[in-house]
Amino acid sequence: MRFAAIVCIILSCALPSTAQNQHVSKWPAKDNVYVIHNFHFGTGETLPELNLHYLTLGEPHRGADGHVDNAILLLHGTGGDRRTLLSPLFSDVLFGPGQPFDITKYFLILPDDIGHGDSSKPSDGLHMKFPQYDYDDMVRSQYIMLTEGMHVDHLRLILGTSMGCMQSWIWGETYPQFMDALAPFACFPVELAGRNRMTRYIAIESVKHDPAWKDGEYTSEPVEGLRGAEAMLLIMGSSALQMQKNYPTRAQSEKYVDDYMARTISHADANNLIYYINASRNYNPEPKLSSIVAPALWINSADDFINPPEVAQIICPRVLPKMPKTKFIDLPITDETRGHGTHTHAAIWKDELVKFMAETEKK
């Protein structure tokens, strides 16, 4: 029997900048900690205590059948945390009265995944001896947290961005009856390979080849390795159109890079970065896609460097026949799209989400 400990406090400070904190504070989010004892990873490794932090907004509701009918799980991307989707670009568009995720109607759950935010991670002390977690471990821990810790036995929707997008497909395969619908944004439901894996591998190897890394037992961050990794992540997540529009001169472009590096490296931990990038190493939902029974709204963006349309042209004809309830949209490049980050700019795809929520509403 797993023992769970839950601690709740009101969220008072969510994002780094003062302006963002003031904006986010209007959402009455509760901050929680859930502890799973003796969590077993897919590698066979065990962690005596797996701490999972998560936020909630709204209150759970049970239908006539006794099952929770208004819970929505919101899953962040690689390197993010439970506060990522409290960004005004996402929350202001979706969480307010009459909006698709109106918190007076829905119970929103935003977790820190394993290795992210305040949840258990290598930098807690184990460094490279921390269990080699993957997306399957993340999804399984989310399920335990929901069912045993929160007593949530059903989800109205899972919306996942980037890494959360990939986790959404795993959720659909592993627990096919647990959710009414899926909304995976910014990923492909196939083995993570090609340029996507290459860029991740480059970032990981950049850190590992820095002599200051010392096999994870560094006393100060391996800055040169982190610079290489963060540079790769910058390019992966960027939009060529927006970068050209916003930084049209050499001086502006270089200043953006310098500021980005200073900001990201000051908050980075090399071991954590290696782990959360490498968690995708064995991701491949394709063989079991036909087991997904929930309808899905799958949205990518044509200016996404990580999931470009030329790759979609190869993958979609292969996978969509296996998922007849899935609608795929590859958003065209516009002044509003933001490359890979389009997944968080909710105004761009909100209308599609509204229609999807209506179509999947149980009568």
Protein backbone atom coordinates (compact mmCIF):
# COMPACT_ATOMS: atom_id res chain seq x y z
CA MET A 1 0.00 0.00 0.00
CA ARG A 2 1.38 3.40 -0.96
CA PHE A 3 1.26 6.07 1.70
CA ALA A 4 0.45 9.59 0.50
CA ALA A 5 1.06 12.88 2.24
CA ILE A 6 -0.64 16.01 0.95
CA VAL A 7 0.13 19.58 1.97
CA CYS A 8 -1.88 22.56 0.69
CA ILE A 9 -1.03 26.25 0.75
CA ILE A 10 -2.40 29.17 -1.24
CA LEU A 11 -0.16 30.14 -4.12
CA SER A 12 1.18 33.64 -3.51
CA CYS A 13 4.09 33.88 -5.94
CA ALA A 14 4.09 31.99 -9.20
CA LEU A 15 6.44 33.44 -11.78
CA PRO A 16 9.81 35.18 -11.59
CA SER A 17 9.01 38.76 -12.56
CA THR A 18 7.00 41.13 -10.40
CA ALA A 19 4.58 41.90 -13.19
CA GLN A 20 3.92 38.23 -13.83
CA ASN A 21 3.47 37.52 -10.14
CA GLN A 22 0.88 40.25 -9.84
CA HIS A 23 -0.94 38.91 -12.87
CA VAL A 24 -0.93 35.29 -11.75
CA SER A 25 -1.96 36.11 -8.19
CA LYS A 26 -5.52 36.74 -9.33
CA TRP A 27 -5.92 32.97 -9.79
CA PRO A 28 -6.71 31.39 -6.38
CA ALA A 29 -4.42 28.42 -6.93
CA LYS A 30 -3.69 25.96 -4.13
CA ASP A 31 -0.19 24.54 -3.93
CA ASN A 32 0.02 20.88 -2.95
CA VAL A 33 2.61 18.20 -2.25
CA TYR A 34 1.94 14.51 -2.73
CA VAL A 35 4.40 11.86 -1.57
CA ILE A 36 4.57 8.37 -3.07
CA HIS A 37 6.60 5.93 -0.99
CA ASN A 38 8.72 3.28 -2.71
CA PHE A 39 7.94 4.41 -6.23
CA HIS A 40 9.18 1.87 -8.77
CA PHE A 41 10.58 3.17 -12.06
CA GLY A 42 10.50 1.34 -15.36
CA THR A 43 14.25 0.71 -15.10
CA GLY A 44 13.70 -1.30 -11.91
CA GLU A 45 15.09 1.48 -9.73
CA THR A 46 13.17 2.60 -6.65
CA LEU A 47 12.92 5.94 -4.88
CA PRO A 48 11.94 5.73 -1.19
CA GLU A 49 10.01 8.98 -1.43
CA LEU A 50 8.83 10.56 -4.67
CA ASN A 51 7.61 14.09 -3.98
CA LEU A 52 5.17 15.53 -6.50
CA HIS A 53 4.12 19.17 -6.32
CA TYR A 54 0.99 20.37 -8.08
CA LEU A 55 -1.44 23.27 -8.24
CA THR A 56 -5.21 23.13 -8.30
CA LEU A 57 -7.82 25.68 -9.30
CA GLY A 58 -11.53 25.22 -8.73
CA GLU A 59 -13.20 22.34 -6.93
CA PRO A 60 -13.91 18.74 -7.94
CA HIS A 61 -17.48 17.76 -8.73
CA ARG A 62 -18.99 14.28 -8.77
CA GLY A 63 -21.76 13.35 -11.13
CA ALA A 64 -24.78 11.19 -10.51
CA ASP A 65 -22.62 8.10 -11.02
CA GLY A 66 -20.29 9.18 -8.20
CA HIS A 67 -17.30 9.83 -10.49
CA VAL A 68 -15.48 13.13 -10.77
CA ASP A 69 -16.72 14.76 -13.96
CA ASN A 70 -14.98 18.16 -14.16
CA ALA A 71 -11.25 17.52 -13.63
CA ILE A 72 -8.81 18.75 -16.28
CA LEU A 73 -5.14 17.75 -16.19
CA LEU A 74 -2.79 20.36 -17.68
CA LEU A 75 0.70 19.06 -18.49
CA HIS A 76 3.73 21.31 -19.03
CA GLY A 77 6.66 20.94 -21.40
CA THR A 78 10.29 19.90 -20.94
CA GLY A 79 12.00 22.06 -18.34
CA GLY A 80 8.73 23.69 -17.28
CA ASP A 81 6.82 23.37 -14.04
CA ARG A 82 3.36 23.63 -12.51
CA ARG A 83 3.35 27.40 -12.96
CA THR A 84 4.16 27.40 -16.67
CA LEU A 85 0.54 27.27 -17.81
CA LEU A 86 -0.41 30.04 -15.40
CA SER A 87 1.18 32.33 -17.99
CA PRO A 88 -1.33 35.06 -18.91
CA LEU A 89 -1.05 33.95 -22.55
CA PHE A 90 -2.67 30.68 -21.48
CA SER A 91 -4.59 31.27 -18.26
CA ASP A 92 -6.14 34.66 -19.07
CA VAL A 93 -7.61 33.22 -22.24
CA LEU A 94 -8.93 29.97 -20.76
CA PHE A 95 -9.55 30.18 -17.00
CA GLY A 96 -11.97 33.10 -16.64
CA PRO A 97 -15.79 33.15 -16.45
CA GLY A 98 -17.38 31.63 -19.52
CA GLN A 99 -14.03 30.51 -20.92
CA PRO A 100 -13.20 26.90 -21.91
CA PHE A 101 -11.56 26.09 -18.54
CA ASP A 102 -13.71 28.36 -16.35
CA ILE A 103 -12.44 27.64 -12.82
CA THR A 104 -15.94 28.06 -11.37
CA LYS A 105 -16.95 25.06 -13.48
CA TYR A 106 -13.81 22.95 -13.82
CA PHE A 107 -11.23 21.51 -11.43
CA LEU A 108 -7.81 22.23 -12.95
CA ILE A 109 -4.73 20.22 -11.95
CA LEU A 110 -1.23 21.42 -12.92
CA PRO A 111 1.60 19.11 -11.73
CA ASP A 112 5.35 19.47 -11.53
CA ASP A 113 6.53 16.36 -13.31
CA ILE A 114 9.26 14.13 -11.95
CA GLY A 115 12.54 15.99 -12.39
CA HIS A 116 10.85 19.38 -12.71
CA GLY A 117 9.98 22.33 -10.50
CA ASP A 118 9.79 21.35 -6.85
CA SER A 119 9.16 17.66 -7.48
CA SER A 120 11.88 15.07 -6.82
CA LYS A 121 14.86 15.57 -9.12
CA PRO A 122 18.60 14.85 -9.40
CA SER A 123 19.65 18.15 -7.83
CA ASP A 124 17.97 17.14 -4.57
CA GLY A 125 21.16 15.21 -3.79
CA LEU A 126 21.36 12.00 -5.80
CA HIS A 127 22.75 13.76 -8.88
CA MET A 128 23.37 11.18 -11.63
CA LYS A 129 22.37 8.38 -9.25
CA PHE A 130 18.77 9.58 -9.42
CA PRO A 131 16.55 6.98 -11.13
CA GLN A 132 16.56 7.27 -14.91
CA TYR A 133 12.93 8.27 -15.29
CA ASP A 134 11.02 8.44 -18.56
CA TYR A 135 7.59 9.58 -19.75
CA ASP A 136 5.96 6.32 -18.72
CA ASP A 137 7.16 6.91 -15.14
CA MET A 138 5.81 10.46 -15.26
CA VAL A 139 2.38 9.35 -16.42
CA ARG A 140 2.21 6.52 -13.89
CA SER A 141 3.13 8.90 -11.06
CA GLN A 142 0.46 11.36 -12.23
CA TYR A 143 -2.11 8.56 -12.19
CA ILE A 144 -1.15 7.53 -8.64
CA MET A 145 -1.24 11.14 -7.49
CA LEU A 146 -4.71 11.62 -8.98
CA THR A 147 -6.30 8.39 -7.82
CA GLU A 148 -4.67 7.67 -4.47
CA GLY A 149 -3.76 11.16 -3.37
CA MET A 150 -6.56 13.34 -4.75
CA HIS A 151 -9.28 10.69 -5.18
CA VAL A 152 -9.87 11.86 -8.73
CA ASP A 153 -11.13 8.81 -10.60
CA HIS A 154 -11.84 10.38 -13.98
CA LEU A 155 -10.66 13.28 -16.14
CA ARG A 156 -12.82 15.43 -18.35
CA LEU A 157 -9.76 16.32 -20.43
CA ILE A 158 -5.99 16.05 -20.59
CA LEU A 159 -4.30 18.97 -22.33
CA GLY A 160 -0.56 18.63 -22.74
CA THR A 161 2.00 20.93 -24.32
CA SER A 162 5.24 19.63 -25.88
CA MET A 163 6.45 16.99 -23.38
CA GLY A 164 2.92 17.09 -21.97
CA CYS A 165 1.65 16.47 -25.50
CA MET A 166 3.67 13.27 -25.67
CA GLN A 167 2.48 12.28 -22.21
CA SER A 168 -1.11 12.79 -23.40
CA TRP A 169 -0.70 10.03 -25.97
CA ILE A 170 0.76 7.74 -23.30
CA TRP A 171 -2.19 8.52 -21.02
CA GLY A 172 -4.60 7.61 -23.81
CA GLU A 173 -2.92 4.25 -24.34
CA THR A 174 -2.21 3.32 -20.73
CA TYR A 175 -5.50 4.42 -19.15
CA PRO A 176 -7.87 4.56 -22.15
CA GLN A 177 -11.11 4.84 -20.12
CA PHE A 178 -9.82 7.39 -17.62
CA MET A 179 -10.47 10.52 -19.69
CA ASP A 180 -13.25 11.84 -21.89
CA ALA A 181 -10.89 13.59 -24.29
CA LEU A 182 -7.27 14.43 -25.12
CA ALA A 183 -5.73 17.67 -26.37
CA PRO A 184 -2.07 17.03 -27.31
CA PHE A 185 -0.38 20.21 -28.58
CA ALA A 186 3.06 20.35 -30.27
CA CYS A 187 4.38 16.83 -30.73
CA PHE A 188 4.14 13.70 -32.85
CA PRO A 189 2.83 10.32 -31.60
CA VAL A 190 5.82 8.38 -32.93
CA GLU A 191 9.32 7.46 -31.80
CA LEU A 192 11.32 10.57 -30.98
CA ALA A 193 14.09 10.38 -33.56
CA GLY A 194 15.58 12.30 -36.49
CA ARG A 195 16.47 15.95 -35.93
CA ASN A 196 14.39 16.08 -32.75
CA ARG A 197 16.52 13.45 -31.04
CA MET A 198 19.71 14.83 -32.58
CA THR A 199 19.18 18.28 -31.05
CA ARG A 200 18.43 16.76 -27.65
CA TYR A 201 21.49 14.53 -27.88
CA ILE A 202 23.66 17.51 -28.79
CA ALA A 203 22.38 19.40 -25.73
CA ILE A 204 23.07 16.45 -23.42
CA GLU A 205 26.53 15.77 -24.86
CA SER A 206 27.42 19.44 -24.63
CA VAL A 207 27.08 19.21 -20.86
CA LYS A 208 28.75 15.84 -20.52
CA HIS A 209 31.80 16.94 -22.49
CA ASP A 210 32.44 19.92 -20.26
CA PRO A 211 35.30 18.85 -17.90
CA ALA A 212 33.62 20.84 -15.13
CA TRP A 213 30.64 18.45 -15.20
CA LYS A 214 32.71 15.72 -13.46
CA ASP A 215 30.18 12.95 -14.16
CA GLY A 216 27.52 14.94 -12.37
CA GLU A 217 29.51 15.57 -9.18
CA TYR A 218 30.38 19.20 -9.93
CA THR A 219 30.71 21.79 -7.19
CA SER A 220 29.84 24.64 -9.55
CA GLU A 221 27.75 24.48 -12.70
CA PRO A 222 29.55 23.44 -15.92
CA VAL A 223 28.80 26.77 -17.56
CA GLU A 224 30.35 26.10 -20.98
CA GLY A 225 28.41 22.88 -21.35
CA LEU A 226 25.22 24.60 -20.29
CA ARG A 227 25.84 27.36 -22.82
CA GLY A 228 25.93 24.80 -25.60
CA ALA A 229 22.82 23.04 -24.33
CA GLU A 230 20.83 26.21 -23.79
CA ALA A 231 21.85 27.50 -27.22
CA MET A 232 20.41 24.38 -28.79
CA LEU A 233 17.20 24.70 -26.76
CA LEU A 234 16.87 28.35 -27.81
CA ILE A 235 16.96 27.43 -31.48
CA MET A 236 14.64 24.46 -31.01
CA GLY A 237 11.92 26.57 -29.43
CA SER A 238 12.26 29.66 -31.61
CA SER A 239 10.12 31.07 -34.41
CA ALA A 240 12.16 32.34 -37.37
CA LEU A 241 9.49 34.89 -38.32
CA GLN A 242 9.17 36.34 -34.83
CA MET A 243 12.93 36.40 -34.29
CA GLN A 244 13.40 38.33 -37.53
CA LYS A 245 10.59 40.78 -36.71
CA ASN A 246 11.57 41.38 -33.10
CA TYR A 247 15.37 41.46 -33.53
CA PRO A 248 15.99 42.86 -37.03
CA THR A 249 19.56 44.08 -36.39
CA ARG A 250 22.77 42.34 -35.47
CA ALA A 251 23.02 44.25 -32.18
CA GLN A 252 19.48 43.34 -31.14
CA SER A 253 19.96 39.70 -32.08
CA GLU A 254 23.18 39.32 -30.14
CA LYS A 255 21.77 41.14 -27.11
CA TYR A 256 18.80 38.77 -27.08
CA VAL A 257 21.15 35.77 -27.06
CA ASP A 258 23.32 37.25 -24.31
CA ASP A 259 20.29 38.07 -22.15
CA TYR A 260 18.78 34.64 -22.77
CA MET A 261 21.98 32.87 -21.79
CA ALA A 262 22.44 34.92 -18.64
CA ARG A 263 18.85 34.28 -17.59
CA THR A 264 18.66 30.56 -18.31
CA ILE A 265 22.12 29.55 -17.12
CA SER A 266 21.67 31.34 -13.80
CA HIS A 267 18.71 29.06 -13.05
CA ALA A 268 19.93 25.84 -14.68
CA ASP A 269 21.16 22.65 -13.07
CA ALA A 270 23.18 20.50 -15.46
CA ASN A 271 22.07 17.13 -14.10
CA ASN A 272 18.42 18.11 -14.06
CA LEU A 273 18.73 19.30 -17.66
CA ILE A 274 20.31 16.03 -18.80
CA TYR A 275 17.57 14.03 -17.14
CA TYR A 276 14.57 15.95 -18.38
CA ILE A 277 15.85 16.14 -21.94
CA ASN A 278 16.72 12.44 -21.96
CA ALA A 279 13.36 11.37 -20.48
CA SER A 280 12.09 11.21 -24.08
CA ARG A 281 14.72 8.63 -25.09
CA ASN A 282 12.31 5.68 -25.35
CA TYR A 283 9.12 7.55 -26.19
CA ASN A 284 7.22 5.73 -28.94
CA PRO A 285 3.43 5.47 -28.65
CA GLU A 286 2.91 4.49 -32.30
CA PRO A 287 2.59 0.70 -31.86
CA LYS A 288 -0.37 1.13 -29.47
CA LEU A 289 -2.15 4.13 -30.96
CA SER A 290 -5.16 2.03 -31.95
CA SER A 291 -5.82 1.38 -28.26
CA ILE A 292 -6.73 5.05 -27.74
CA VAL A 293 -10.51 5.37 -27.55
CA ALA A 294 -10.82 8.98 -26.38
CA PRO A 295 -11.38 11.65 -29.04
CA ALA A 296 -8.32 13.85 -29.50
CA LEU A 297 -7.67 17.38 -30.71
CA TRP A 298 -4.06 17.31 -31.92
CA ILE A 299 -2.61 20.70 -32.85
CA ASN A 300 0.84 21.54 -34.20
CA SER A 301 2.13 24.75 -35.76
CA ALA A 302 3.82 25.02 -39.16
CA ASP A 303 6.63 27.21 -37.78
CA ASP A 304 7.55 24.66 -35.08
CA PHE A 305 11.22 23.77 -35.58
CA ILE A 306 10.78 20.64 -33.45
CA ASN A 307 7.63 19.34 -35.18
CA PRO A 308 7.71 20.83 -38.71
CA PRO A 309 5.01 20.29 -41.35
CA GLU A 310 7.29 18.36 -43.71
CA VAL A 311 7.63 15.73 -40.99
CA ALA A 312 3.87 15.81 -40.39
CA GLN A 313 3.37 14.96 -44.08
CA ILE A 314 5.23 11.71 -43.49
CA ILE A 315 3.79 10.83 -40.10
CA CYS A 316 0.12 11.81 -40.29
CA PRO A 317 -0.94 9.47 -43.13
CA ARG A 318 0.58 6.65 -41.12
CA VAL A 319 -0.88 7.35 -37.69
CA LEU A 320 -4.23 9.06 -38.20
CA PRO A 321 -5.96 5.93 -39.58
CA LYS A 322 -5.13 4.26 -36.26
CA MET A 323 -6.94 7.05 -34.38
CA PRO A 324 -10.25 7.70 -36.16
CA LYS A 325 -11.45 9.98 -33.35
CA THR A 326 -8.43 12.28 -33.68
CA LYS A 327 -8.58 15.64 -35.45
CA PHE A 328 -5.19 16.94 -36.55
CA ILE A 329 -4.60 20.64 -37.23
CA ASP A 330 -1.29 22.06 -38.42
CA LEU A 331 -1.72 25.78 -37.88
CA PRO A 332 -0.37 27.94 -40.74
CA ILE A 333 2.37 30.47 -39.99
CA THR A 334 0.91 33.86 -39.13
CA ASP A 335 1.92 36.97 -37.18
CA GLU A 336 0.32 35.29 -34.16
CA THR A 337 2.08 31.91 -34.20
CA ARG A 338 5.21 31.53 -32.07
CA GLY A 339 6.94 28.41 -33.32
CA HIS A 340 6.99 25.61 -30.79
CA GLY A 341 5.66 28.04 -28.19
CA THR A 342 2.36 28.35 -30.05
CA HIS A 343 1.11 25.62 -27.73
CA THR A 344 0.87 28.16 -24.90
CA HIS A 345 -0.60 31.08 -26.91
CA ALA A 346 -4.17 29.98 -26.33
CA ALA A 347 -5.85 32.75 -28.32
CA ILE A 348 -4.52 31.16 -31.51
CA TRP A 349 -6.29 27.83 -31.02
CA LYS A 350 -8.98 28.69 -28.47
CA ASP A 351 -11.86 28.47 -30.97
CA GLU A 352 -10.88 24.92 -31.90
CA LEU A 353 -10.74 23.99 -28.22
CA VAL A 354 -14.19 25.48 -27.59
CA LYS A 355 -15.66 23.38 -30.40
CA PHE A 356 -13.86 20.27 -29.17
CA MET A 357 -15.09 20.72 -25.59
CA ALA A 358 -18.66 21.04 -26.89
CA GLU A 359 -18.32 17.97 -29.12
CA THR A 360 -16.98 15.82 -26.26
CA GLU A 361 -19.40 17.01 -23.59
CA LYS A 362 -21.36 14.09 -22.18
CA LYS A 363 -25.12 14.55 -22.64
